């Protein structure tokens, strides 16, 4: 069974008694929103991992959720499409006129 199908466990002691601290990097820089646009900024934020703390040994660790992994792949895919568009289509259009 995949690690992403189970609930997270502490990497040190293996306990499932965890305290969730929410998304890592809770505040999102406005500059990224202006540069990326709101759709890419949402995908980027959704891909950030959740931060947990073990209730027994107080070890902090992060883990991506299934949705976070999907959002990460969407974010990376969109960036690659934009890079391809910039590298091939824009120079072609510049020479066409």
N, C-alpha and C. Protein backbone atom coordinates (compact mmCIF):
# COMPACT_ATOMS: atom_id res chain seq x y z
N UNK A 1 0.85 -1.19 0.00
CA UNK A 1 0.00 0.00 0.00
C UNK A 1 0.89 1.24 0.00
N UNK A 2 0.48 2.25 -0.73
CA UNK A 2 1.26 3.48 -0.85
C UNK A 2 1.25 4.25 0.47
N UNK A 3 2.33 5.02 0.69
CA UNK A 3 2.41 5.86 1.88
C UNK A 3 1.35 6.95 1.88
N UNK A 4 0.85 7.32 0.70
CA UNK A 4 -0.10 8.42 0.61
C UNK A 4 -1.54 7.97 0.86
N UNK A 5 -1.77 6.66 0.96
CA UNK A 5 -3.12 6.16 1.24
C UNK A 5 -3.38 6.08 2.74
N UNK A 6 -2.33 6.01 3.53
CA UNK A 6 -2.48 5.89 4.97
C UNK A 6 -2.39 7.25 5.63
N UNK A 7 -2.86 7.31 6.87
CA UNK A 7 -2.70 8.55 7.62
C UNK A 7 -1.23 8.69 7.98
N UNK A 8 -0.75 9.92 8.13
CA UNK A 8 0.68 10.10 8.42
C UNK A 8 1.08 9.54 9.77
N UNK A 9 2.31 9.08 9.86
CA UNK A 9 2.88 8.57 11.10
C UNK A 9 4.20 9.29 11.35
N UNK A 10 4.60 9.36 12.59
CA UNK A 10 5.85 10.02 12.96
C UNK A 10 7.02 9.22 12.38
N UNK A 11 7.95 9.89 11.68
CA UNK A 11 9.09 9.16 11.13
C UNK A 11 10.08 8.67 12.19
N UNK A 12 10.05 9.26 13.38
CA UNK A 12 10.98 8.83 14.44
C UNK A 12 10.45 7.68 15.27
N UNK A 13 9.24 7.87 15.85
CA UNK A 13 8.73 6.85 16.78
C UNK A 13 7.59 6.02 16.20
N UNK A 14 7.03 6.41 15.05
CA UNK A 14 5.97 5.63 14.43
C UNK A 14 4.59 5.88 15.01
N UNK A 15 4.44 6.88 15.86
CA UNK A 15 3.15 7.17 16.48
C UNK A 15 2.19 7.79 15.46
N UNK A 16 0.90 7.51 15.65
CA UNK A 16 -0.13 8.14 14.81
C UNK A 16 -0.82 9.28 15.56
N UNK A 17 -0.38 9.57 16.77
CA UNK A 17 -0.95 10.68 17.54
C UNK A 17 -0.21 11.95 17.12
N UNK A 18 -0.80 12.67 16.17
CA UNK A 18 -0.14 13.82 15.58
C UNK A 18 -0.95 15.09 15.80
N UNK A 19 -0.25 16.19 15.84
CA UNK A 19 -0.87 17.52 15.92
C UNK A 19 -0.63 18.18 14.56
N UNK A 20 -1.69 18.57 13.88
CA UNK A 20 -1.55 19.21 12.57
C UNK A 20 -1.34 20.71 12.76
N UNK A 21 -0.33 21.24 12.10
CA UNK A 21 -0.05 22.67 12.14
C UNK A 21 -0.45 23.35 10.84
N UNK A 22 -1.16 22.65 9.97
CA UNK A 22 -1.63 23.22 8.72
C UNK A 22 -0.55 23.24 7.65
N UNK A 23 -0.79 24.05 6.63
CA UNK A 23 0.14 24.15 5.50
C UNK A 23 1.41 24.86 5.92
N UNK A 24 2.51 24.39 5.38
CA UNK A 24 3.78 25.08 5.59
C UNK A 24 3.73 26.37 4.77
N UNK A 25 4.38 27.40 5.26
CA UNK A 25 4.37 28.72 4.61
C UNK A 25 2.94 29.23 4.45
N UNK A 26 2.30 29.51 5.57
CA UNK A 26 0.89 29.89 5.56
C UNK A 26 0.63 31.17 4.78
N UNK A 27 1.52 32.15 4.89
CA UNK A 27 1.33 33.40 4.16
C UNK A 27 1.90 33.26 2.76
N UNK A 28 1.15 33.73 1.78
CA UNK A 28 1.58 33.62 0.39
C UNK A 28 2.04 34.98 -0.10
N UNK A 29 3.23 35.09 -0.68
CA UNK A 29 3.71 36.39 -1.12
C UNK A 29 2.86 36.94 -2.27
N UNK A 30 2.50 38.18 -2.17
CA UNK A 30 1.65 38.81 -3.18
C UNK A 30 2.38 38.92 -4.52
N UNK A 31 3.70 39.06 -4.48
CA UNK A 31 4.48 39.14 -5.71
C UNK A 31 4.31 37.91 -6.58
N UNK A 32 4.29 36.72 -5.95
CA UNK A 32 4.08 35.48 -6.71
C UNK A 32 2.70 35.46 -7.34
N UNK A 33 1.72 35.96 -6.62
CA UNK A 33 0.37 36.00 -7.15
C UNK A 33 0.31 36.90 -8.37
N UNK A 34 1.00 38.04 -8.32
CA UNK A 34 1.01 38.97 -9.45
C UNK A 34 1.75 38.39 -10.65
N UNK A 35 2.83 37.67 -10.39
CA UNK A 35 3.63 37.12 -11.48
C UNK A 35 2.97 35.87 -12.07
N UNK A 36 2.53 34.95 -11.22
CA UNK A 36 1.99 33.67 -11.69
C UNK A 36 0.54 33.74 -12.11
N UNK A 37 -0.21 34.67 -11.57
CA UNK A 37 -1.65 34.67 -11.79
C UNK A 37 -2.32 33.82 -10.73
N UNK A 38 -3.59 34.00 -10.55
CA UNK A 38 -4.26 33.35 -9.43
C UNK A 38 -4.39 31.84 -9.61
N UNK A 39 -4.52 31.34 -10.85
CA UNK A 39 -4.67 29.89 -11.04
C UNK A 39 -3.38 29.15 -10.70
N UNK A 40 -2.26 29.66 -11.19
CA UNK A 40 -0.98 29.02 -10.86
C UNK A 40 -0.63 29.22 -9.39
N UNK A 41 -0.98 30.37 -8.84
CA UNK A 41 -0.70 30.60 -7.43
C UNK A 41 -1.50 29.64 -6.55
N UNK A 42 -2.75 29.35 -6.93
CA UNK A 42 -3.55 28.38 -6.17
C UNK A 42 -2.97 26.98 -6.27
N UNK A 43 -2.52 26.58 -7.46
CA UNK A 43 -1.91 25.26 -7.62
C UNK A 43 -0.61 25.17 -6.83
N UNK A 44 0.16 26.24 -6.82
CA UNK A 44 1.41 26.25 -6.06
C UNK A 44 1.14 26.13 -4.57
N UNK A 45 0.16 26.86 -4.08
CA UNK A 45 -0.17 26.82 -2.65
C UNK A 45 -0.74 25.45 -2.26
N UNK A 46 -1.58 24.88 -3.12
CA UNK A 46 -2.16 23.57 -2.82
C UNK A 46 -1.10 22.48 -2.78
N UNK A 47 -0.01 22.66 -3.51
CA UNK A 47 1.03 21.63 -3.54
C UNK A 47 1.96 21.68 -2.33
N UNK A 48 1.85 22.73 -1.52
CA UNK A 48 2.75 22.82 -0.36
C UNK A 48 2.35 21.76 0.68
N UNK A 49 3.33 21.19 1.38
CA UNK A 49 3.05 20.09 2.30
C UNK A 49 2.39 20.55 3.60
N UNK A 50 1.71 19.60 4.25
CA UNK A 50 1.13 19.83 5.57
C UNK A 50 2.22 19.59 6.62
N UNK A 51 2.19 20.39 7.67
CA UNK A 51 3.18 20.24 8.74
C UNK A 51 2.52 19.59 9.95
N UNK A 52 3.18 18.57 10.50
CA UNK A 52 2.67 17.82 11.65
C UNK A 52 3.71 17.84 12.77
N UNK A 53 3.23 17.58 13.99
CA UNK A 53 4.10 17.41 15.14
C UNK A 53 3.63 16.17 15.89
N UNK A 54 4.56 15.32 16.25
CA UNK A 54 4.23 14.11 17.01
C UNK A 54 3.87 14.51 18.44
N UNK A 55 2.76 13.97 18.95
CA UNK A 55 2.33 14.30 20.31
C UNK A 55 3.20 13.61 21.36
N UNK A 56 3.90 12.55 20.97
CA UNK A 56 4.71 11.81 21.93
C UNK A 56 6.16 12.30 21.99
N UNK A 57 6.83 12.40 20.84
CA UNK A 57 8.25 12.77 20.86
C UNK A 57 8.49 14.22 20.40
N UNK A 58 7.45 14.92 20.01
CA UNK A 58 7.50 16.33 19.60
C UNK A 58 8.36 16.58 18.37
N UNK A 59 8.54 15.57 17.54
CA UNK A 59 9.26 15.71 16.28
C UNK A 59 8.34 16.37 15.26
N UNK A 60 8.82 17.43 14.59
CA UNK A 60 8.05 18.08 13.53
C UNK A 60 8.47 17.52 12.19
N UNK A 61 7.50 17.29 11.31
CA UNK A 61 7.78 16.80 9.97
C UNK A 61 6.66 17.24 9.03
N UNK A 62 6.91 17.13 7.74
CA UNK A 62 5.91 17.52 6.75
C UNK A 62 5.57 16.33 5.88
N UNK A 63 4.38 16.38 5.30
CA UNK A 63 3.93 15.32 4.40
C UNK A 63 2.95 15.92 3.41
N UNK A 64 3.12 15.59 2.15
CA UNK A 64 2.18 16.05 1.14
C UNK A 64 0.95 15.14 1.13
N UNK A 65 -0.20 15.74 0.91
CA UNK A 65 -1.43 14.96 0.79
C UNK A 65 -1.58 14.51 -0.65
N UNK A 66 -2.56 13.63 -0.92
CA UNK A 66 -2.83 13.21 -2.30
C UNK A 66 -3.17 14.41 -3.16
N UNK A 67 -4.02 15.29 -2.64
CA UNK A 67 -4.37 16.49 -3.39
C UNK A 67 -3.18 17.39 -3.63
N UNK A 68 -2.28 17.44 -2.65
CA UNK A 68 -1.07 18.23 -2.81
C UNK A 68 -0.16 17.69 -3.89
N UNK A 69 -0.10 16.37 -4.01
CA UNK A 69 0.73 15.76 -5.05
C UNK A 69 0.14 16.03 -6.42
N UNK A 70 -1.18 15.91 -6.53
CA UNK A 70 -1.86 16.20 -7.81
C UNK A 70 -1.65 17.67 -8.17
N UNK A 71 -1.82 18.56 -7.21
CA UNK A 71 -1.62 19.99 -7.48
C UNK A 71 -0.17 20.27 -7.87
N UNK A 72 0.77 19.58 -7.27
CA UNK A 72 2.18 19.76 -7.63
C UNK A 72 2.42 19.38 -9.08
N UNK A 73 1.87 18.25 -9.50
CA UNK A 73 2.03 17.82 -10.89
C UNK A 73 1.34 18.78 -11.85
N UNK A 74 0.17 19.30 -11.48
CA UNK A 74 -0.51 20.28 -12.32
C UNK A 74 0.34 21.55 -12.42
N UNK A 75 0.87 22.00 -11.30
CA UNK A 75 1.70 23.20 -11.28
C UNK A 75 2.93 23.01 -12.16
N UNK A 76 3.63 21.90 -12.01
CA UNK A 76 4.83 21.64 -12.81
C UNK A 76 4.46 21.52 -14.29
N UNK A 77 3.36 20.85 -14.59
CA UNK A 77 2.91 20.72 -15.98
C UNK A 77 2.59 22.06 -16.62
N UNK A 78 1.91 22.92 -15.89
CA UNK A 78 1.59 24.25 -16.42
C UNK A 78 2.84 25.08 -16.66
N UNK A 79 3.79 24.97 -15.76
CA UNK A 79 5.05 25.70 -15.93
C UNK A 79 5.78 25.20 -17.18
N UNK A 80 5.80 23.87 -17.40
CA UNK A 80 6.46 23.32 -18.58
C UNK A 80 5.76 23.74 -19.87
N UNK A 81 4.44 23.77 -19.85
CA UNK A 81 3.68 24.23 -21.03
C UNK A 81 4.00 25.69 -21.32
N UNK A 82 4.03 26.53 -20.29
CA UNK A 82 4.35 27.94 -20.49
C UNK A 82 5.78 28.12 -21.00
N UNK A 83 6.70 27.32 -20.50
CA UNK A 83 8.08 27.40 -20.98
C UNK A 83 8.17 26.98 -22.44
N UNK A 84 7.45 25.91 -22.81
CA UNK A 84 7.43 25.47 -24.20
C UNK A 84 6.81 26.51 -25.12
N UNK A 85 5.73 27.12 -24.67
CA UNK A 85 5.09 28.17 -25.46
C UNK A 85 6.05 29.33 -25.68
N UNK A 86 6.75 29.72 -24.64
CA UNK A 86 7.69 30.84 -24.74
C UNK A 86 8.88 30.48 -25.63
N UNK A 87 9.35 29.25 -25.55
CA UNK A 87 10.54 28.86 -26.30
C UNK A 87 10.27 28.63 -27.78
N UNK A 88 9.09 28.11 -28.15
CA UNK A 88 8.85 27.74 -29.53
C UNK A 88 7.82 28.61 -30.25
N UNK A 89 6.73 28.91 -29.64
CA UNK A 89 5.66 29.62 -30.32
C UNK A 89 5.95 31.11 -30.44
N UNK A 90 6.42 31.73 -29.37
CA UNK A 90 6.67 33.18 -29.42
C UNK A 90 7.73 33.53 -30.46
N UNK A 91 8.89 32.83 -30.56
CA UNK A 91 9.84 33.16 -31.63
C UNK A 91 9.27 32.93 -33.03
N UNK A 92 8.45 31.90 -33.19
CA UNK A 92 7.82 31.63 -34.49
C UNK A 92 6.90 32.77 -34.88
N UNK A 93 6.10 33.27 -33.95
CA UNK A 93 5.20 34.37 -34.23
C UNK A 93 5.97 35.67 -34.50
N UNK A 94 7.10 35.85 -33.85
CA UNK A 94 7.90 37.04 -34.07
C UNK A 94 8.48 37.06 -35.48
N UNK A 95 8.87 35.90 -36.03
CA UNK A 95 9.42 35.83 -37.38
C UNK A 95 8.32 35.82 -38.44
N UNK A 96 7.10 35.46 -38.07
CA UNK A 96 6.00 35.39 -39.03
C UNK A 96 5.54 36.78 -39.46
N UNK A 97 5.72 37.76 -38.61
CA UNK A 97 5.25 39.12 -38.96
C UNK A 97 6.35 39.88 -39.51
